[in-house]
Structures are given as structure tokens and as C-alpha cells.
Amino acid sequence: MSQVLRTLQTCLILALTIGIALQTAQAGSADEQIRGVVKPSQEAWLSTELNARILQLARKEGEAFKKNDVLVAFDCDKYETESRAADAERELNLIVLNNSVELDRRQAIGRYEVDQNRAKFDKAKAQAETLAVRLKECKIRAPYDGRVAELKGREFEISSPGQPLMHIVAVGDPEIEMIVPSNWLRWIGPDFRFRVEIDETKTTHTAQVRRIAPVVDSVSQTVKIMAAFTDDISEIRPGMSLSAVIDPPAP
């Protein structure tokens, strides 16, 4: 009877061992699905330090633009007038400075007066340069090719310093952002290739890992991965969701 029990135990252990081995093999070969989102390569909220009326918002939501196109223009008559006055003040102080230098050369005035006039000129020059920089802010130009994602400002409104006016995103070269288990770092790395299915278009694309975040989230034991598409992405837009099908290498 004991021999029969030992035989049954041996068979049971063997069956369990085979079952675990099969499950392990299946887990190693099964595709892992990870959720992700499409991110633009660049995006920005445009704002200004001016307190001025918005004359023009050159693009509407969804419209495209090229690098250096004027996107926002402000009414800067006040700043232009102040800039001309500052330029005139600088020229006047330059004349006074040059005259005092000549008088000093002839020993007609003291060195103190020359230094004083030079300080006045430097101050006027700095003020003129400050206003010149402010005038450049009267037009916000596109930093890259892209599209308008959202408008916050309205034409003829008065802008406030730091107030967001326009959200822009770059066109082309979108990225895939995913959160994956940190233990995948044992086998996943730059140039690792995988497949993705876009939720909105139901299309399948190929991608490869571009960058891996240098920090692991110790609480969730996950790490962020950024990847690039390697095929046609004409229908893909930032913000779309996707499922990434990851094939772990065989053990």
C-alpha cells in the first residue's frame, strides 16, 4: 500500500512540475500588452510679459504654421513711443559725454564730471536697450513648424504678464510614452522593437525604444519609456491612446 502511495505522490509531483514548466514557457512567449499615449516631440504655451492689447491671433485652433510665422501681435504704440524717447535720451547723453571728454582733455573741467556724464550715458543706453528688447516681444513668432492646439487669449483683450495665450504642438516625429515594469530593464533597451495598435484609428504600427527614464518609481516599481514610430504615421496625432504589444525575449 505504501508503495502505491509513493508512486501516486511521485506522479503528482511530476504533473505539477510539468504544469509549472508549461505555464512558465507560455508566460515567456506570450505577448505583454502595455498602455501608452502619443506625445508631440515639442509643445509649448505661449505667453508674454507685456501688458498690452492683443491686435491679432494669426492662427485658429487646428491651423498649421511654419517656423518664424507671427502667431500673436500686440498693440505696442506706447512702447514704441517710450523707445524713441529712450533713444533720444541716449543720444543726448552721448553728446554731453563726448563734450565733457573734450573739455577734460583741455583741462577745462574735472575728472569727476566726466565720470558722472559717462554714468548718465550708460544708464540711458541700458534703458534704451531694455525698451528695444520689449519691442521685440510685440510679436510672438513660431519657434518651430506646428499646429495650434488651443487658444486662451482673444483679440482686443488686454494681456497680462505670464498669461497663457496659445498652446502649440510641433508636427512630425511624435513619440510614444509608456510605463512598464522596472524588471523589464533586464532585457529592454534602446532600439528594442515592438508593435502598437492605435485606439482611435485601429491601425497597427511598428516602433522602437528611443529613451528610457533614468529613474525607477520605487513605489510602483515601474519606469517610463519613450519610443519612436518607424513606419507611416500620417494619421497619428498627439494625444491618441494605444496598446503596445511587447514580445519578451525567450528565457
C-alpha atoms as a PDB file:
ATOM      1  CA  MET A   1       0.000   0.000   0.000  1.00  0.00           C
ATOM      2  CA  SER A   2       2.853   2.362   0.886  1.00  0.00           C
ATOM      3  CA  GLN A   3       4.480   1.648  -2.475  1.00  0.00           C
ATOM      4  CA  VAL A   4       1.249   2.683  -4.259  1.00  0.00           C
ATOM      5  CA  LEU A   5       1.099   5.929  -2.247  1.00  0.00           C
ATOM      6  CA  ARG A   6       4.723   6.711  -3.051  1.00  0.00           C
ATOM      7  CA  THR A   7       4.034   6.091  -6.735  1.00  0.00           C
ATOM      8  CA  LEU A   8       0.972   8.386  -6.663  1.00  0.00           C
ATOM      9  CA  GLN A   9       2.978  11.107  -4.897  1.00  0.00           C
ATOM     10  CA  THR A  10       5.741  10.832  -7.496  1.00  0.00           C
ATOM     11  CA  CYS A  11       3.219  11.114 -10.337  1.00  0.00           C
ATOM     12  CA  LEU A  12       1.552  14.120  -8.683  1.00  0.00           C
ATOM     13  CA  ILE A  13       4.878  15.918  -8.206  1.00  0.00           C
ATOM     14  CA  LEU A  14       5.831  15.175 -11.817  1.00  0.00           C
ATOM     15  CA  ALA A  15       2.481  16.510 -13.064  1.00  0.00           C
ATOM     16  CA  LEU A  16       2.828  19.691 -11.022  1.00  0.00           C
ATOM     17  CA  THR A  17       6.376  20.192 -12.280  1.00  0.00           C
ATOM     18  CA  ILE A  18       5.297  19.788 -15.910  1.00  0.00           C
ATOM     19  CA  GLY A  19       2.351  22.160 -15.364  1.00  0.00           C
ATOM     20  CA  ILE A  20       4.595  24.855 -13.865  1.00  0.00           C
ATOM     21  CA  ALA A  21       7.099  24.443 -16.698  1.00  0.00           C
ATOM     22  CA  LEU A  22       4.355  24.818 -19.300  1.00  0.00           C
ATOM     23  CA  GLN A  23       2.995  27.931 -17.587  1.00  0.00           C
ATOM     24  CA  THR A  24       6.487  29.423 -17.413  1.00  0.00           C
ATOM     25  CA  ALA A  25       7.095  28.720 -21.098  1.00  0.00           C
ATOM     26  CA  GLN A  26       3.757  30.241 -22.033  1.00  0.00           C
ATOM     27  CA  ALA A  27       4.403  33.352 -19.895  1.00  0.00           C
ATOM     28  CA  GLY A  28       7.783  33.795 -21.548  1.00  0.00           C
ATOM     29  CA  SER A  29       6.366  33.606 -25.074  1.00  0.00           C
ATOM     30  CA  ALA A  30       3.037  35.399 -24.582  1.00  0.00           C
ATOM     31  CA  ASP A  31       2.785  38.992 -25.736  1.00  0.00           C
ATOM     32  CA  GLU A  32       2.664  41.592 -22.969  1.00  0.00           C
ATOM     33  CA  GLN A  33       0.268  44.498 -23.614  1.00  0.00           C
ATOM     34  CA  ILE A  34       1.092  47.906 -22.183  1.00  0.00           C
ATOM     35  CA  ARG A  35      -0.984  51.066 -22.493  1.00  0.00           C
ATOM     36  CA  GLY A  36       0.642  54.191 -23.899  1.00  0.00           C
ATOM     37  CA  VAL A  37      -0.080  57.620 -25.327  1.00  0.00           C
ATOM     38  CA  VAL A  38       1.228  59.595 -28.302  1.00  0.00           C
ATOM     39  CA  LYS A  39       3.120  62.741 -27.319  1.00  0.00           C
ATOM     40  CA  PRO A  40       4.270  65.583 -29.594  1.00  0.00           C
ATOM     41  CA  SER A  41       8.024  65.979 -29.985  1.00  0.00           C
ATOM     42  CA  GLN A  42       7.665  69.596 -28.783  1.00  0.00           C
ATOM     43  CA  GLU A  43       4.846  71.649 -27.296  1.00  0.00           C
ATOM     44  CA  ALA A  44       4.562  74.994 -25.533  1.00  0.00           C
ATOM     45  CA  TRP A  45       2.181  77.504 -24.011  1.00  0.00           C
ATOM     46  CA  LEU A  46       2.931  80.928 -25.484  1.00  0.00           C
ATOM     47  CA  SER A  47       2.657  83.900 -23.143  1.00  0.00           C
ATOM     48  CA  THR A  48       4.013  87.423 -22.847  1.00  0.00           C
ATOM     49  CA  GLU A  49       5.434  89.790 -20.251  1.00  0.00           C
ATOM     50  CA  LEU A  50       3.631  92.728 -21.875  1.00  0.00           C
ATOM     51  CA  ASN A  51       0.537  94.418 -20.566  1.00  0.00           C
ATOM     52  CA  ALA A  52      -0.894  95.310 -23.974  1.00  0.00           C
ATOM     53  CA  ARG A  53      -3.914  94.829 -26.194  1.00  0.00           C
ATOM     54  CA  ILE A  54      -3.912  91.768 -28.452  1.00  0.00           C
ATOM     55  CA  LEU A  55      -4.215  93.010 -32.035  1.00  0.00           C
ATOM     56  CA  GLN A  56      -4.056  89.674 -33.839  1.00  0.00           C
ATOM     57  CA  LEU A  57      -4.126  85.958 -33.238  1.00  0.00           C
ATOM     58  CA  ALA A  58      -2.836  84.819 -36.608  1.00  0.00           C
ATOM     59  CA  ARG A  59      -3.945  81.190 -36.354  1.00  0.00           C
ATOM     60  CA  LYS A  60      -7.090  79.435 -35.149  1.00  0.00           C
ATOM     61  CA  GLU A  61      -7.236  76.124 -33.310  1.00  0.00           C
ATOM     62  CA  GLY A  62      -6.130  73.289 -35.570  1.00  0.00           C
ATOM     63  CA  GLU A  63      -4.402  75.530 -38.125  1.00  0.00           C
ATOM     64  CA  ALA A  64      -0.809  74.917 -39.142  1.00  0.00           C
ATOM     65  CA  PHE A  65       2.097  77.357 -39.132  1.00  0.00           C
ATOM     66  CA  LYS A  66       5.745  77.490 -40.136  1.00  0.00           C
ATOM     67  CA  LYS A  67       8.759  78.389 -38.053  1.00  0.00           C
ATOM     68  CA  ASN A  68       9.095  82.187 -37.568  1.00  0.00           C
ATOM     69  CA  ASP A  69       5.480  82.883 -38.589  1.00  0.00           C
ATOM     70  CA  VAL A  70       3.873  85.615 -36.462  1.00  0.00           C
ATOM     71  CA  LEU A  71       1.343  83.925 -34.188  1.00  0.00           C
ATOM     72  CA  VAL A  72       0.389  86.781 -31.841  1.00  0.00           C
ATOM     73  CA  ALA A  73       0.708  90.555 -32.369  1.00  0.00           C
ATOM     74  CA  PHE A  74       0.174  93.258 -29.729  1.00  0.00           C
ATOM     75  CA  ASP A  75      -0.644  96.956 -29.827  1.00  0.00           C
ATOM     76  CA  CYS A  76       2.731  98.453 -28.899  1.00  0.00           C
ATOM     77  CA  ASP A  77       2.267 102.141 -29.735  1.00  0.00           C
ATOM     78  CA  LYS A  78       3.013 103.024 -26.106  1.00  0.00           C
ATOM     79  CA  TYR A  79       6.242 101.020 -26.055  1.00  0.00           C
ATOM     80  CA  GLU A  80       7.339 102.400 -29.433  1.00  0.00           C
ATOM     81  CA  THR A  81       6.924 105.958 -28.139  1.00  0.00           C
ATOM     82  CA  GLU A  82       8.867 105.142 -24.976  1.00  0.00           C
ATOM     83  CA  SER A  83      11.592 103.513 -27.074  1.00  0.00           C
ATOM     84  CA  ARG A  84      12.006 106.596 -29.278  1.00  0.00           C
ATOM     85  CA  ALA A  85      12.202 108.790 -26.184  1.00  0.00           C
ATOM     86  CA  ALA A  86      14.846 106.489 -24.681  1.00  0.00           C
ATOM     87  CA  ASP A  87      16.871 106.587 -27.915  1.00  0.00           C
ATOM     88  CA  ALA A  88      16.775 110.392 -27.881  1.00  0.00           C
ATOM     89  CA  GLU A  89      17.860 110.455 -24.219  1.00  0.00           C
ATOM     90  CA  ARG A  90      20.764 108.160 -25.034  1.00  0.00           C
ATOM     91  CA  GLU A  91      21.906 110.380 -27.932  1.00  0.00           C
ATOM     92  CA  LEU A  92      21.692 113.482 -25.747  1.00  0.00           C
ATOM     93  CA  ASN A  93      23.791 111.893 -23.034  1.00  0.00           C
ATOM     94  CA  LEU A  94      26.303 110.733 -25.626  1.00  0.00           C
ATOM     95  CA  ILE A  95      26.733 114.316 -26.853  1.00  0.00           C
ATOM     96  CA  VAL A  96      27.213 115.546 -23.283  1.00  0.00           C
ATOM     97  CA  LEU A  97      29.725 112.785 -22.580  1.00  0.00           C
ATOM     98  CA  ASN A  98      31.768 113.484 -25.713  1.00  0.00           C
ATOM     99  CA  ASN A  99      31.794 117.187 -24.912  1.00  0.00           C
ATOM    100  CA  SER A 100      32.970 116.589 -21.339  1.00  0.00           C
ATOM    101  CA  VAL A 101      35.718 114.257 -22.570  1.00  0.00           C
ATOM    102  CA  GLU A 102      36.957 117.001 -24.894  1.00  0.00           C
ATOM    103  CA  LEU A 103      36.834 119.600 -22.104  1.00  0.00           C
ATOM    104  CA  ASP A 104      38.702 117.224 -19.825  1.00  0.00           C
ATOM    105  CA  ARG A 105      41.368 116.820 -22.499  1.00  0.00           C
ATOM    106  CA  ARG A 106      41.780 120.578 -22.442  1.00  0.00           C
ATOM    107  CA  GLN A 107      41.727 120.512 -18.625  1.00  0.00           C
ATOM    108  CA  ALA A 108      38.642 122.746 -18.632  1.00  0.00           C
ATOM    109  CA  ILE A 109      36.621 120.502 -16.265  1.00  0.00           C
ATOM    110  CA  GLY A 110      37.355 117.960 -13.590  1.00  0.00           C
ATOM    111  CA  ARG A 111      37.519 114.170 -13.979  1.00  0.00           C
ATOM    112  CA  TYR A 112      34.540 113.779 -11.666  1.00  0.00           C
ATOM    113  CA  GLU A 113      32.231 115.488 -14.181  1.00  0.00           C
ATOM    114  CA  VAL A 114      33.423 113.206 -16.959  1.00  0.00           C
ATOM    115  CA  ASP A 115      32.715 110.103 -14.871  1.00  0.00           C
ATOM    116  CA  GLN A 116      29.316 111.467 -13.924  1.00  0.00           C
ATOM    117  CA  ASN A 117      28.370 112.112 -17.562  1.00  0.00           C
ATOM    118  CA  ARG A 118      29.616 108.654 -18.551  1.00  0.00           C
ATOM    119  CA  ALA A 119      27.399 107.050 -15.884  1.00  0.00           C
ATOM    120  CA  LYS A 120      24.393 109.024 -17.161  1.00  0.00           C
ATOM    121  CA  PHE A 121      25.090 107.834 -20.702  1.00  0.00           C
ATOM    122  CA  ASP A 122      25.436 104.198 -19.588  1.00  0.00           C
ATOM    123  CA  LYS A 123      22.113 104.433 -17.753  1.00  0.00           C
ATOM    124  CA  ALA A 124      20.335 105.957 -20.765  1.00  0.00           C
ATOM    125  CA  LYS A 125      21.852 103.315 -23.050  1.00  0.00           C
ATOM    126  CA  ALA A 126      20.650 100.494 -20.793  1.00  0.00           C
ATOM    127  CA  GLN A 127      17.139 101.928 -20.696  1.00  0.00           C
ATOM    128  CA  ALA A 128      17.044 102.209 -24.487  1.00  0.00           C
ATOM    129  CA  GLU A 129      18.237  98.612 -24.890  1.00  0.00           C
ATOM    130  CA  THR A 130      15.626  97.384 -22.398  1.00  0.00           C
ATOM    131  CA  LEU A 131      12.825  99.036 -24.359  1.00  0.00           C
ATOM    132  CA  ALA A 132      14.231  97.661 -27.618  1.00  0.00           C
ATOM    133  CA  VAL A 133      14.020  94.144 -26.185  1.00  0.00           C
ATOM    134  CA  ARG A 134      10.450  94.805 -25.062  1.00  0.00           C
ATOM    135  CA  LEU A 135       9.515  95.910 -28.572  1.00  0.00           C
ATOM    136  CA  LYS A 136      10.665  92.552 -29.902  1.00  0.00           C
ATOM    137  CA  GLU A 137       8.020  90.944 -27.670  1.00  0.00           C
ATOM    138  CA  CYS A 138       5.271  92.807 -29.525  1.00  0.00           C
ATOM    139  CA  LYS A 139       5.195  89.899 -31.958  1.00  0.00           C
ATOM    140  CA  ILE A 140       5.380  86.276 -30.876  1.00  0.00           C
ATOM    141  CA  ARG A 141       6.855  84.114 -33.630  1.00  0.00           C
ATOM    142  CA  ALA A 142       6.597  80.352 -34.022  1.00  0.00           C
ATOM    143  CA  PRO A 143       9.667  78.524 -32.658  1.00  0.00           C
ATOM    144  CA  TYR A 144       9.088  75.544 -35.000  1.00  0.00           C
ATOM    145  CA  ASP A 145       6.668  74.102 -37.571  1.00  0.00           C
ATOM    146  CA  GLY A 146       3.460  73.044 -35.877  1.00  0.00           C
ATOM    147  CA  ARG A 147      -0.241  73.485 -35.218  1.00  0.00           C
ATOM    148  CA  VAL A 148      -2.341  75.447 -32.760  1.00  0.00           C
ATOM    149  CA  ALA A 149      -3.793  73.080 -30.160  1.00  0.00           C
ATOM    150  CA  GLU A 150      -5.700  75.573 -28.001  1.00  0.00           C
ATOM    151  CA  LEU A 151      -6.352  79.305 -27.693  1.00  0.00           C
ATOM    152  CA  LYS A 152      -6.739  81.076 -24.352  1.00  0.00           C
ATOM    153  CA  GLY A 153      -6.370  84.698 -25.451  1.00  0.00           C
ATOM    154  CA  ARG A 154      -8.835  86.659 -27.575  1.00  0.00           C
ATOM    155  CA  GLU A 155      -8.240  89.534 -29.978  1.00  0.00           C
ATOM    156  CA  PHE A 156      -8.688  93.027 -28.452  1.00  0.00           C
ATOM    157  CA  GLU A 157      -8.296  91.689 -24.915  1.00  0.00           C
ATOM    158  CA  ILE A 158      -5.575  93.139 -22.674  1.00  0.00           C
ATOM    159  CA  SER A 159      -2.885  90.587 -22.000  1.00  0.00           C
ATOM    160  CA  SER A 160      -1.425  90.071 -18.539  1.00  0.00           C
ATOM    161  CA  PRO A 161       2.219  89.163 -17.845  1.00  0.00           C
ATOM    162  CA  GLY A 162       2.570  85.396 -17.785  1.00  0.00           C
ATOM    163  CA  GLN A 163      -0.975  84.794 -19.026  1.00  0.00           C
ATOM    164  CA  PRO A 164      -1.105  81.745 -21.364  1.00  0.00           C
ATOM    165  CA  LEU A 165      -2.349  82.770 -24.806  1.00  0.00           C
ATOM    166  CA  MET A 166      -1.829  79.870 -27.184  1.00  0.00           C
ATOM    167  CA  HIS A 167      -0.930  76.183 -26.896  1.00  0.00           C
ATOM    168  CA  ILE A 168       1.144  74.927 -29.822  1.00  0.00           C
ATOM    169  CA  VAL A 169       2.480  71.485 -30.739  1.00  0.00           C
ATOM    170  CA  ALA A 170       5.153  70.513 -33.237  1.00  0.00           C
ATOM    171  CA  VAL A 171       4.193  68.486 -36.297  1.00  0.00           C
ATOM    172  CA  GLY A 172       6.073  65.354 -37.213  1.00  0.00           C
ATOM    173  CA  ASP A 173       8.125  62.900 -35.169  1.00  0.00           C
ATOM    174  CA  PRO A 174       5.629  62.201 -32.352  1.00  0.00           C
ATOM    175  CA  GLU A 175       6.750  59.942 -29.538  1.00  0.00           C
ATOM    176  CA  ILE A 176       5.181  57.052 -27.642  1.00  0.00           C
ATOM    177  CA  GLU A 177       5.201  57.315 -23.870  1.00  0.00           C
ATOM    178  CA  MET A 178       4.656  54.147 -21.819  1.00  0.00           C
ATOM    179  CA  ILE A 179       5.024  52.991 -18.224  1.00  0.00           C
ATOM    180  CA  VAL A 180       6.445  49.468 -17.979  1.00  0.00           C
ATOM    181  CA  PRO A 181       7.524  47.185 -15.113  1.00  0.00           C
ATOM    182  CA  SER A 182      11.008  48.086 -13.920  1.00  0.00           C
ATOM    183  CA  ASN A 183      12.172  44.450 -14.099  1.00  0.00           C
ATOM    184  CA  TRP A 184      11.911  44.737 -17.871  1.00  0.00           C
ATOM    185  CA  LEU A 185      15.156  46.724 -17.725  1.00  0.00           C
ATOM    186  CA  ARG A 186      16.900  43.349 -17.691  1.00  0.00           C
ATOM    187  CA  TRP A 187      16.104  42.863 -21.366  1.00  0.00           C
ATOM    188  CA  ILE A 188      14.560  46.017 -22.862  1.00  0.00           C
ATOM    189  CA  GLY A 189      16.749  48.876 -24.066  1.00  0.00           C
ATOM    190  CA  PRO A 190      17.288  51.451 -26.831  1.00  0.00           C
ATOM    191  CA  ASP A 191      16.425  50.201 -30.334  1.00  0.00           C
ATOM    192  CA  PHE A 192      14.195  47.419 -28.944  1.00  0.00           C
ATOM    193  CA  ARG A 193      11.359  46.984 -31.477  1.00  0.00           C
ATOM    194  CA  PHE A 194       7.686  46.239 -30.798  1.00  0.00           C
ATOM    195  CA  ARG A 195       4.187  46.725 -32.242  1.00  0.00           C
ATOM    196  CA  VAL A 196       1.472  49.190 -31.281  1.00  0.00           C
ATOM    197  CA  GLU A 197      -2.227  49.453 -32.094  1.00  0.00           C
ATOM    198  CA  ILE A 198      -3.774  52.922 -32.087  1.00  0.00           C
ATOM    199  CA  ASP A 199      -7.180  53.027 -30.365  1.00  0.00           C
ATOM    200  CA  GLU A 200      -8.642  55.818 -32.489  1.00  0.00           C
ATOM    201  CA  THR A 201      -7.570  54.574 -35.934  1.00  0.00           C
ATOM    202  CA  LYS A 202      -7.399  50.811 -35.218  1.00  0.00           C
ATOM    203  CA  THR A 203      -4.160  50.728 -37.189  1.00  0.00           C
ATOM    204  CA  THR A 204      -1.047  48.759 -36.275  1.00  0.00           C
ATOM    205  CA  HIS A 205       2.418  50.286 -36.421  1.00  0.00           C
ATOM    206  CA  THR A 206       5.978  49.367 -35.563  1.00  0.00           C
ATOM    207  CA  ALA A 207       8.055  51.300 -33.068  1.00  0.00           C
ATOM    208  CA  GLN A 208      11.368  51.155 -31.290  1.00  0.00           C
ATOM    209  CA  VAL A 209      12.584  52.369 -27.930  1.00  0.00           C
ATOM    210  CA  ARG A 210      14.291  55.764 -28.127  1.00  0.00           C
ATOM    211  CA  ARG A 211      14.942  56.679 -24.483  1.00  0.00           C
ATOM    212  CA  ILE A 212      14.463  55.199 -21.022  1.00  0.00           C
ATOM    213  CA  ALA A 213      13.923  57.351 -17.949  1.00  0.00           C
ATOM    214  CA  PRO A 214      16.944  57.332 -15.633  1.00  0.00           C
ATOM    215  CA  VAL A 215      14.796  56.915 -12.500  1.00  0.00           C
ATOM    216  CA  VAL A 216      12.600  53.993 -11.440  1.00  0.00           C
ATOM    217  CA  ASP A 217       9.446  54.662  -9.420  1.00  0.00           C
ATOM    218  CA  SER A 218      10.223  52.767  -6.228  1.00  0.00           C
ATOM    219  CA  VAL A 219       6.560  52.617  -5.141  1.00  0.00           C
ATOM    220  CA  SER A 220       5.020  51.176  -8.304  1.00  0.00           C
ATOM    221  CA  GLN A 221       8.289  49.558  -9.495  1.00  0.00           C
ATOM    222  CA  THR A 222       7.784  50.987 -12.972  1.00  0.00           C
ATOM    223  CA  VAL A 223       9.866  53.041 -15.383  1.00  0.00           C
ATOM    224  CA  LYS A 224       8.930  55.422 -18.190  1.00  0.00           C
ATOM    225  CA  ILE A 225       9.912  54.564 -21.756  1.00  0.00           C
ATOM    226  CA  MET A 226       9.834  56.843 -24.800  1.00  0.00           C
ATOM    227  CA  ALA A 227       9.712  55.270 -28.259  1.00  0.00           C
ATOM    228  CA  ALA A 228       9.549  56.412 -31.882  1.00  0.00           C
ATOM    229  CA  PHE A 229       7.387  55.204 -34.755  1.00  0.00           C
ATOM    230  CA  THR A 230       9.290  53.529 -37.585  1.00  0.00           C
ATOM    231  CA  ASP A 231       6.583  53.494 -40.289  1.00  0.00           C
ATOM    232  CA  ASP A 232       3.948  55.788 -41.822  1.00  0.00           C
ATOM    233  CA  ILE A 233       2.308  57.963 -39.153  1.00  0.00           C
ATOM    234  CA  SER A 234       0.356  60.419 -41.322  1.00  0.00           C
ATOM    235  CA  GLU A 235      -2.904  59.583 -39.487  1.00  0.00           C
ATOM    236  CA  ILE A 236      -1.455  59.749 -35.985  1.00  0.00           C
ATOM    237  CA  ARG A 237      -1.983  62.800 -33.788  1.00  0.00           C
ATOM    238  CA  PRO A 238      -0.669  63.673 -30.334  1.00  0.00           C
ATOM    239  CA  GLY A 239      -2.997  62.591 -27.560  1.00  0.00           C
ATOM    240  CA  MET A 240      -4.049  59.320 -29.181  1.00  0.00           C
ATOM    241  CA  SER A 241      -4.007  56.226 -26.969  1.00  0.00           C
ATOM    242  CA  LEU A 242      -2.500  52.889 -27.884  1.00  0.00           C
ATOM    243  CA  SER A 243      -1.736  49.367 -26.806  1.00  0.00           C
ATOM    244  CA  ALA A 244       1.843  48.253 -27.156  1.00  0.00           C
ATOM    245  CA  VAL A 245       2.435  44.562 -27.812  1.00  0.00           C
ATOM    246  CA  ILE A 246       5.775  43.653 -26.265  1.00  0.00           C
ATOM    247  CA  ASP A 247       7.406  40.288 -27.010  1.00  0.00           C
ATOM    248  CA  PRO A 248       9.829  39.490 -24.169  1.00  0.00           C
ATOM    249  CA  PRO A 249      12.836  37.515 -25.338  1.00  0.00           C
ATOM    250  CA  ALA A 250      12.670  33.782 -24.767  1.00  0.00           C
ATOM    251  CA  PRO A 251      14.234  32.666 -21.464  1.00  0.00           C
END
